[in-house]
Amino acid sequence: MARLGRLRGRHLVSIAHHRIRWLPHPTLVTADRPVQESATTNLHRCSPTATFMMTMNVLVHGETDKGAGQRMTFDRTDEQTPDDDPGARPFARHLRMLRERAGTPTIEAIARKASCSTGAVSNALNGKAVPSDQVGDAVLRALGGEPDEAWRQMLTRARRPRRPRTPAAPTSIAGPATAASDQRPALTAPARRLLSKTVLWWTAASALFGTLAVAVILVIITANSSMEPPKSGDAPPVGDGPWPFTVADVGPFGLVVRSSGDETGTQIGSTSETLTLWADCVQNTGFDPRPDTGAGPLWYRIRWPTDRPGKDFLTSSPVDRYRGWVYAGFVVPSGHNGQIPKCSSE
């Protein structure tokens, strides 16, 4: 084997994503082979990851190739498969097909008909989450379908855990490495100093980020511990209103604020958990979207900053000029027993 000489020019690196393999290096200068270099061998075409790997290889091993006549390349191992797309799940495709046949009703209309939240309907249609049998059957029936054995199998297969993909083993077209190629020179003094500085820098940075993370966690814990849950109290509401109510048990999707408390109401915004809503009155509209809460068809008319349709998360204040309606199953009185007057339209 010809003795390896110095590396000249820049190095050709094939880049894809994460896994590295070693291939014959085209720019090695040997005693009987001239320099091979072209416009495509420029180092500035490499990604930061490839440049860092090549630099560390030079520092530690004193060479840029793993063995004589070899170079490193990157293989793509994280190509997306159909299973990576939630929308490609059979149950989600089936629901979207039924939705198209039904005239593409809105998610709010499907949720009202299925007596479930808009978030559950959206996740089922997009395949982001596998619905329970009860929710899945309700959405299916709301779209004109009927649960059968095929539907059960779709949900069952979607709940099975995915098997992790095994990355392919590194390959090399240069053949087995010889004993001489595995021998590496000792680390030079400048390389040791540079490597020590790099290790110290990363250690200091890691310690700093760790300290900041602990501080943030402590602040969050302290803030949460100082917040007491709202108490209803036994005293009746005082004054002429509006009176405060607190949003509870709505989760990350929030509580929908509607233009009216019946089935004809449209969404004019949303509000988050633990926020305060200011209510003028309560009304029995006959519309109970969540019988499981036990609240019945009761709706609170609240002060709201807008009457335009939308899903933006907003806040309520006593001086807001518009009115909205929220379901009583997800709000609790704050500082009073909740016995506010009935709305005059009832």
Protein backbone atom coordinates (compact mmCIF):
# COMPACT_ATOMS: atom_id res chain seq x y z
CA MET A 1 0.00 0.00 0.00
CA ALA A 2 1.38 3.40 -0.96
CA ARG A 3 2.35 5.67 1.89
CA LEU A 4 -0.26 8.37 2.57
CA GLY A 5 0.94 11.93 2.09
CA ARG A 6 -0.49 15.23 3.20
CA LEU A 7 -4.06 16.22 2.44
CA ARG A 8 -4.34 19.13 0.08
CA GLY A 9 -7.26 21.33 -0.92
CA ARG A 10 -10.64 20.61 0.55
CA HIS A 11 -12.41 17.34 1.25
CA LEU A 12 -15.37 15.86 -0.56
CA VAL A 13 -18.07 14.95 1.95
CA SER A 14 -21.39 13.43 0.99
CA ILE A 15 -24.04 14.71 3.39
CA ALA A 16 -27.54 13.45 4.07
CA HIS A 17 -28.58 13.33 7.71
CA HIS A 18 -27.24 11.46 10.72
CA ARG A 19 -25.43 8.13 10.18
CA ILE A 20 -21.80 8.09 9.01
CA ARG A 21 -20.15 5.59 6.77
CA TRP A 22 -16.66 5.52 5.27
CA LEU A 23 -16.02 5.51 1.51
CA PRO A 24 -12.86 5.92 -0.62
CA HIS A 25 -11.51 9.46 -0.32
CA PRO A 26 -10.83 11.06 -3.73
CA THR A 27 -8.46 13.79 -2.52
CA LEU A 28 -5.72 11.80 -0.76
CA VAL A 29 -2.24 12.46 -2.16
CA THR A 30 -0.04 9.38 -2.27
CA ALA A 31 3.40 8.82 -3.68
CA ASP A 32 1.97 7.60 -6.99
CA ARG A 33 -1.37 9.48 -7.20
CA PRO A 34 -1.81 13.22 -7.86
CA VAL A 35 -4.33 15.50 -6.20
CA GLN A 36 -7.91 15.04 -7.45
CA GLU A 37 -9.99 18.11 -6.80
CA SER A 38 -12.98 19.80 -8.43
CA ALA A 39 -15.52 22.55 -7.73
CA THR A 40 -17.73 20.03 -5.90
CA THR A 41 -15.08 19.19 -3.31
CA ASN A 42 -15.23 22.51 -1.46
CA LEU A 43 -15.52 22.26 2.28
CA HIS A 44 -17.87 25.22 2.44
CA ARG A 45 -20.52 23.03 0.82
CA CYS A 46 -20.56 20.81 3.92
CA SER A 47 -23.10 21.18 6.70
CA PRO A 48 -21.96 22.35 10.17
CA THR A 49 -22.37 18.76 11.44
CA ALA A 50 -20.04 17.34 8.77
CA THR A 51 -17.46 20.08 9.32
CA PHE A 52 -17.46 19.45 13.09
CA MET A 53 -17.01 15.68 12.60
CA MET A 54 -14.09 16.19 10.20
CA THR A 55 -12.40 18.68 12.58
CA MET A 56 -12.69 16.35 15.59
CA ASN A 57 -11.32 13.45 13.50
CA VAL A 58 -8.26 15.55 12.60
CA LEU A 59 -7.74 16.62 16.23
CA VAL A 60 -8.02 13.15 17.73
CA HIS A 61 -6.53 10.95 15.01
CA GLY A 62 -4.34 13.33 13.03
CA GLU A 63 -6.05 12.42 9.75
CA THR A 64 -9.31 12.98 7.94
CA ASP A 65 -9.86 9.44 6.76
CA LYS A 66 -10.67 6.36 8.75
CA GLY A 67 -8.24 4.27 6.76
CA ALA A 68 -6.16 4.41 3.63
CA GLY A 69 -8.21 5.65 0.73
CA GLN A 70 -11.41 6.16 2.72
CA ARG A 71 -13.67 9.16 3.40
CA MET A 72 -16.75 9.68 5.54
CA THR A 73 -20.24 10.14 4.14
CA PHE A 74 -23.64 10.58 5.70
CA ASP A 75 -26.61 8.35 4.90
CA ARG A 76 -30.21 9.38 5.28
CA THR A 77 -31.86 7.08 7.82
CA ASP A 78 -34.89 9.09 8.88
CA GLU A 79 -36.87 9.10 5.65
CA GLN A 80 -40.55 9.49 6.34
CA THR A 81 -42.77 6.47 5.84
CA PRO A 82 -46.56 6.46 5.44
CA ASP A 83 -46.85 5.41 9.11
CA ASP A 84 -45.26 8.74 10.13
CA ASP A 85 -48.24 10.66 8.73
CA PRO A 86 -51.11 10.70 11.30
CA GLY A 87 -53.57 11.61 8.56
CA ALA A 88 -52.76 8.36 6.74
CA ARG A 89 -54.29 6.22 9.49
CA PRO A 90 -57.17 4.12 8.13
CA PHE A 91 -59.72 5.32 10.69
CA ALA A 92 -58.89 8.99 9.94
CA ARG A 93 -59.18 8.46 6.17
CA HIS A 94 -62.51 6.69 6.70
CA LEU A 95 -63.89 9.58 8.78
CA ARG A 96 -62.75 12.17 6.22
CA MET A 97 -64.39 10.18 3.43
CA LEU A 98 -67.69 10.10 5.35
CA ARG A 99 -67.34 13.82 6.04
CA GLU A 100 -67.00 14.56 2.31
CA ARG A 101 -70.03 12.40 1.53
CA ALA A 102 -71.99 14.29 4.19
CA GLY A 103 -71.27 17.63 2.50
CA THR A 104 -68.16 18.59 4.55
CA PRO A 105 -69.90 19.83 7.72
CA THR A 106 -67.87 22.00 10.09
CA ILE A 107 -66.03 20.50 13.05
CA GLU A 108 -68.34 22.43 15.40
CA ALA A 109 -71.41 20.90 13.73
CA ILE A 110 -69.95 17.40 13.99
CA ALA A 111 -69.04 18.00 17.66
CA ARG A 112 -72.57 19.15 18.49
CA LYS A 113 -74.11 16.16 16.78
CA ALA A 114 -71.66 13.74 18.43
CA SER A 115 -71.91 15.46 21.87
CA CYS A 116 -68.15 15.75 22.21
CA SER A 117 -65.53 18.49 22.07
CA THR A 118 -64.26 20.06 18.86
CA GLY A 119 -60.72 19.05 19.83
CA ALA A 120 -61.69 15.36 19.94
CA VAL A 121 -63.37 15.62 16.52
CA SER A 122 -60.37 17.44 15.00
CA ASN A 123 -57.89 14.89 16.37
CA ALA A 124 -59.98 12.00 15.06
CA LEU A 125 -60.30 13.51 11.57
CA ASN A 126 -56.60 14.33 11.36
CA GLY A 127 -55.45 11.09 12.98
CA LYS A 128 -53.44 12.93 15.63
CA ALA A 129 -54.99 10.85 18.43
CA VAL A 130 -56.88 7.57 18.45
CA PRO A 131 -60.34 8.20 19.90
CA SER A 132 -61.94 5.95 22.46
CA ASP A 133 -64.62 3.55 21.26
CA GLN A 134 -67.34 5.83 22.64
CA VAL A 135 -66.02 9.01 21.02
CA GLY A 136 -65.09 7.25 17.79
CA ASP A 137 -68.56 5.70 17.45
CA ALA A 138 -70.22 9.05 18.17
CA VAL A 139 -68.19 10.86 15.49
CA LEU A 140 -68.78 8.02 13.04
CA ARG A 141 -72.55 8.16 13.58
CA ALA A 142 -72.51 11.96 13.32
CA LEU A 143 -71.04 11.57 9.83
CA GLY A 144 -73.64 9.02 8.76
CA GLY A 145 -71.68 5.83 9.43
CA GLU A 146 -72.32 2.86 11.68
CA PRO A 147 -69.74 1.01 13.80
CA ASP A 148 -68.94 -2.44 12.47
CA GLU A 149 -66.16 -4.99 12.75
CA ALA A 150 -64.00 -3.20 10.17
CA TRP A 151 -64.26 0.03 12.16
CA ARG A 152 -63.26 -1.77 15.36
CA GLN A 153 -60.23 -3.24 13.60
CA MET A 154 -59.16 0.23 12.39
CA LEU A 155 -59.19 1.59 15.95
CA THR A 156 -57.48 -1.53 17.35
CA ARG A 157 -54.65 -1.38 14.80
CA ALA A 158 -54.18 2.35 15.41
CA ARG A 159 -53.72 1.74 19.15
CA ARG A 160 -50.94 -0.80 18.64
CA PRO A 161 -47.47 0.58 19.45
CA ARG A 162 -45.24 1.13 16.46
CA ARG A 163 -42.12 -0.96 16.13
CA PRO A 164 -38.96 1.15 16.03
CA ARG A 165 -37.10 1.05 12.77
CA THR A 166 -33.67 -0.58 12.93
CA PRO A 167 -31.04 1.56 11.20
CA ALA A 168 -29.05 -0.12 8.50
CA ALA A 169 -25.56 -1.20 9.39
CA PRO A 170 -22.73 1.05 8.16
CA THR A 171 -21.32 -0.09 4.86
CA SER A 172 -18.08 0.55 3.06
CA ILE A 173 -17.14 0.01 -0.55
CA ALA A 174 -13.46 0.01 0.29
CA GLY A 175 -13.53 -3.53 1.67
CA PRO A 176 -12.30 -4.72 5.08
CA ALA A 177 -9.87 -2.43 6.86
CA THR A 178 -6.36 -3.67 7.27
CA ALA A 179 -4.41 -3.76 10.49
CA ALA A 180 -2.30 -0.84 9.30
CA SER A 181 -5.38 1.35 8.71
CA ASP A 182 -6.57 0.80 12.30
CA GLN A 183 -3.34 2.13 13.72
CA ARG A 184 -3.73 5.79 14.66
CA PRO A 185 -0.99 8.28 15.54
CA ALA A 186 -0.69 9.67 19.05
CA LEU A 187 -2.54 12.89 19.91
CA THR A 188 -0.30 15.91 19.38
CA ALA A 189 0.23 18.57 22.06
CA PRO A 190 -1.62 21.37 20.21
CA ALA A 191 -4.49 19.00 19.54
CA ARG A 192 -4.65 18.02 23.22
CA ARG A 193 -4.77 21.68 24.29
CA LEU A 194 -7.49 22.51 21.79
CA LEU A 195 -9.48 19.42 22.78
CA SER A 196 -9.16 20.34 26.48
CA LYS A 197 -10.43 23.86 25.82
CA THR A 198 -13.37 22.49 23.83
CA VAL A 199 -14.31 20.07 26.61
CA LEU A 200 -14.05 22.81 29.23
CA TRP A 201 -16.21 25.17 27.14
CA TRP A 202 -18.95 22.57 26.67
CA THR A 203 -18.80 21.66 30.38
CA ALA A 204 -19.20 25.31 31.42
CA ALA A 205 -22.04 25.86 28.94
CA SER A 206 -23.84 22.73 30.16
CA ALA A 207 -23.49 23.82 33.78
CA LEU A 208 -24.85 27.28 32.96
CA PHE A 209 -27.87 25.94 31.09
CA GLY A 210 -28.52 23.43 33.87
CA THR A 211 -28.48 26.19 36.49
CA LEU A 212 -30.89 28.32 34.46
CA ALA A 213 -33.24 25.38 33.99
CA VAL A 214 -33.30 24.65 37.73
CA ALA A 215 -33.99 28.32 38.47
CA VAL A 216 -36.91 28.42 36.04
CA ILE A 217 -38.40 25.23 37.52
CA LEU A 218 -38.14 26.65 41.04
CA VAL A 219 -39.87 29.87 39.98
CA ILE A 220 -42.70 27.90 38.38
CA ILE A 221 -43.12 25.67 41.45
CA THR A 222 -43.14 28.70 43.76
CA ALA A 223 -45.71 30.50 41.63
CA ASN A 224 -47.98 27.46 41.47
CA SER A 225 -47.74 26.82 45.20
CA SER A 226 -48.81 30.38 45.93
CA MET A 227 -51.93 30.09 43.76
CA GLU A 228 -54.91 28.68 45.60
CA PRO A 229 -57.80 27.09 43.69
CA PRO A 230 -60.91 29.24 43.45
CA LYS A 231 -63.47 28.73 46.18
CA SER A 232 -67.17 28.96 45.57
CA GLY A 233 -68.18 30.10 49.05
CA ASP A 234 -71.63 30.06 50.62
CA ALA A 235 -72.44 33.76 50.37
CA PRO A 236 -74.80 34.95 47.64
CA PRO A 237 -73.43 37.29 44.96
CA VAL A 238 -73.24 40.93 45.99
CA GLY A 239 -74.19 43.94 43.90
CA ASP A 240 -75.86 44.27 40.53
CA GLY A 241 -73.29 42.27 38.58
CA PRO A 242 -71.50 41.14 36.63
CA TRP A 243 -70.16 38.42 38.94
CA PRO A 244 -66.87 36.46 38.63
CA PHE A 245 -66.70 32.82 37.58
CA THR A 246 -63.56 30.75 37.03
CA VAL A 247 -62.92 28.40 34.09
CA ALA A 248 -62.14 24.84 35.25
CA ASP A 249 -61.44 21.36 33.83
CA VAL A 250 -61.20 22.38 30.17
CA GLY A 251 -57.68 21.17 29.41
CA PRO A 252 -55.35 22.64 26.76
CA PHE A 253 -58.10 23.22 24.19
CA GLY A 254 -59.84 25.81 26.37
CA LEU A 255 -63.51 26.69 26.75
CA VAL A 256 -65.55 27.77 23.72
CA VAL A 257 -67.42 31.09 23.95
CA ARG A 258 -70.53 31.13 21.73
CA SER A 259 -72.80 33.81 20.36
CA SER A 260 -75.81 32.13 22.04
CA GLY A 261 -76.48 29.29 24.42
CA ASP A 262 -78.50 27.15 22.01
CA GLU A 263 -77.57 24.96 19.06
CA THR A 264 -77.60 27.91 16.66
CA GLY A 265 -74.76 29.69 18.45
CA THR A 266 -71.41 30.13 16.69
CA GLN A 267 -67.99 30.34 18.27
CA ILE A 268 -66.79 33.90 18.91
CA GLY A 269 -63.66 33.01 20.85
CA SER A 270 -62.09 30.78 23.49
CA THR A 271 -60.82 31.18 27.03
CA SER A 272 -58.22 29.30 29.03
CA GLU A 273 -58.42 27.35 32.28
CA THR A 274 -58.22 29.32 35.59
CA LEU A 275 -59.19 32.60 33.88
CA THR A 276 -62.04 34.70 35.30
CA LEU A 277 -65.27 35.28 33.36
CA TRP A 278 -67.76 37.99 34.32
CA ALA A 279 -71.36 36.75 34.05
CA ASP A 280 -74.57 38.81 34.01
CA CYS A 281 -77.11 36.00 34.30
CA VAL A 282 -77.80 32.30 33.79
CA GLN A 283 -80.27 30.68 31.39
CA ASN A 284 -81.68 27.21 30.74
CA THR A 285 -81.50 26.99 26.94
CA GLY A 286 -82.45 23.32 26.58
CA PHE A 287 -79.10 22.61 24.89
CA ASP A 288 -76.77 20.32 26.87
CA PRO A 289 -73.58 19.58 24.90
CA ARG A 290 -71.92 17.63 27.75
CA PRO A 291 -74.43 15.56 29.76
CA ASP A 292 -71.52 13.83 31.51
CA THR A 293 -70.76 17.01 33.52
CA GLY A 294 -74.17 16.95 35.26
CA ALA A 295 -74.63 20.69 34.76
CA GLY A 296 -77.68 20.30 32.56
CA PRO A 297 -78.62 22.76 29.78
CA LEU A 298 -77.45 25.81 31.76
CA TRP A 299 -75.48 28.60 30.11
CA TYR A 300 -73.97 31.80 31.54
CA ARG A 301 -74.14 35.06 29.63
CA ILE A 302 -70.78 36.77 30.09
CA ARG A 303 -69.10 40.04 29.19
CA TRP A 304 -66.91 39.53 26.08
CA PRO A 305 -64.65 41.84 24.02
CA THR A 306 -66.03 40.88 20.58
CA ASP A 307 -69.03 39.44 18.78
CA ARG A 308 -67.20 38.36 15.64
CA PRO A 309 -66.80 34.63 14.83
CA GLY A 310 -63.38 33.28 15.68
CA LYS A 311 -61.34 30.89 17.81
CA ASP A 312 -58.83 33.31 19.37
CA PHE A 313 -58.12 32.98 23.10
CA LEU A 314 -59.39 36.17 24.77
CA THR A 315 -60.18 37.39 28.30
CA SER A 316 -63.36 38.70 29.91
CA SER A 317 -63.66 41.91 31.90
CA PRO A 318 -66.61 43.66 33.62
CA VAL A 319 -66.47 46.57 31.14
CA ASP A 320 -66.59 44.55 27.91
CA ARG A 321 -69.37 45.84 25.64
CA TYR A 322 -70.35 42.56 23.95
CA ARG A 323 -71.97 39.40 25.33
CA GLY A 324 -71.01 35.77 24.95
CA TRP A 325 -72.29 32.45 26.30
CA VAL A 326 -70.36 29.68 28.07
CA TYR A 327 -71.51 26.24 29.18
CA ALA A 328 -72.07 25.99 32.95
CA GLY A 329 -70.37 22.59 33.19
CA PHE A 330 -66.91 24.15 32.96
CA VAL A 331 -67.14 27.25 35.16
CA VAL A 332 -67.37 27.61 38.94
CA PRO A 333 -68.42 30.68 40.97
CA SER A 334 -65.57 32.66 42.48
CA GLY A 335 -66.22 34.02 45.99
CA HIS A 336 -69.99 33.42 45.95
CA ASN A 337 -72.48 30.56 45.68
CA GLY A 338 -73.26 31.13 41.98
CA GLN A 339 -76.94 31.98 42.45
CA ILE A 340 -77.04 34.89 40.01
CA PRO A 341 -80.27 36.12 38.38
CA LYS A 342 -81.84 34.37 35.41
CA CYS A 343 -81.59 36.06 32.05
CA SER A 344 -84.61 38.12 31.12
CA SER A 345 -85.13 36.24 27.84
CA GLU A 346 -85.92 33.01 29.70
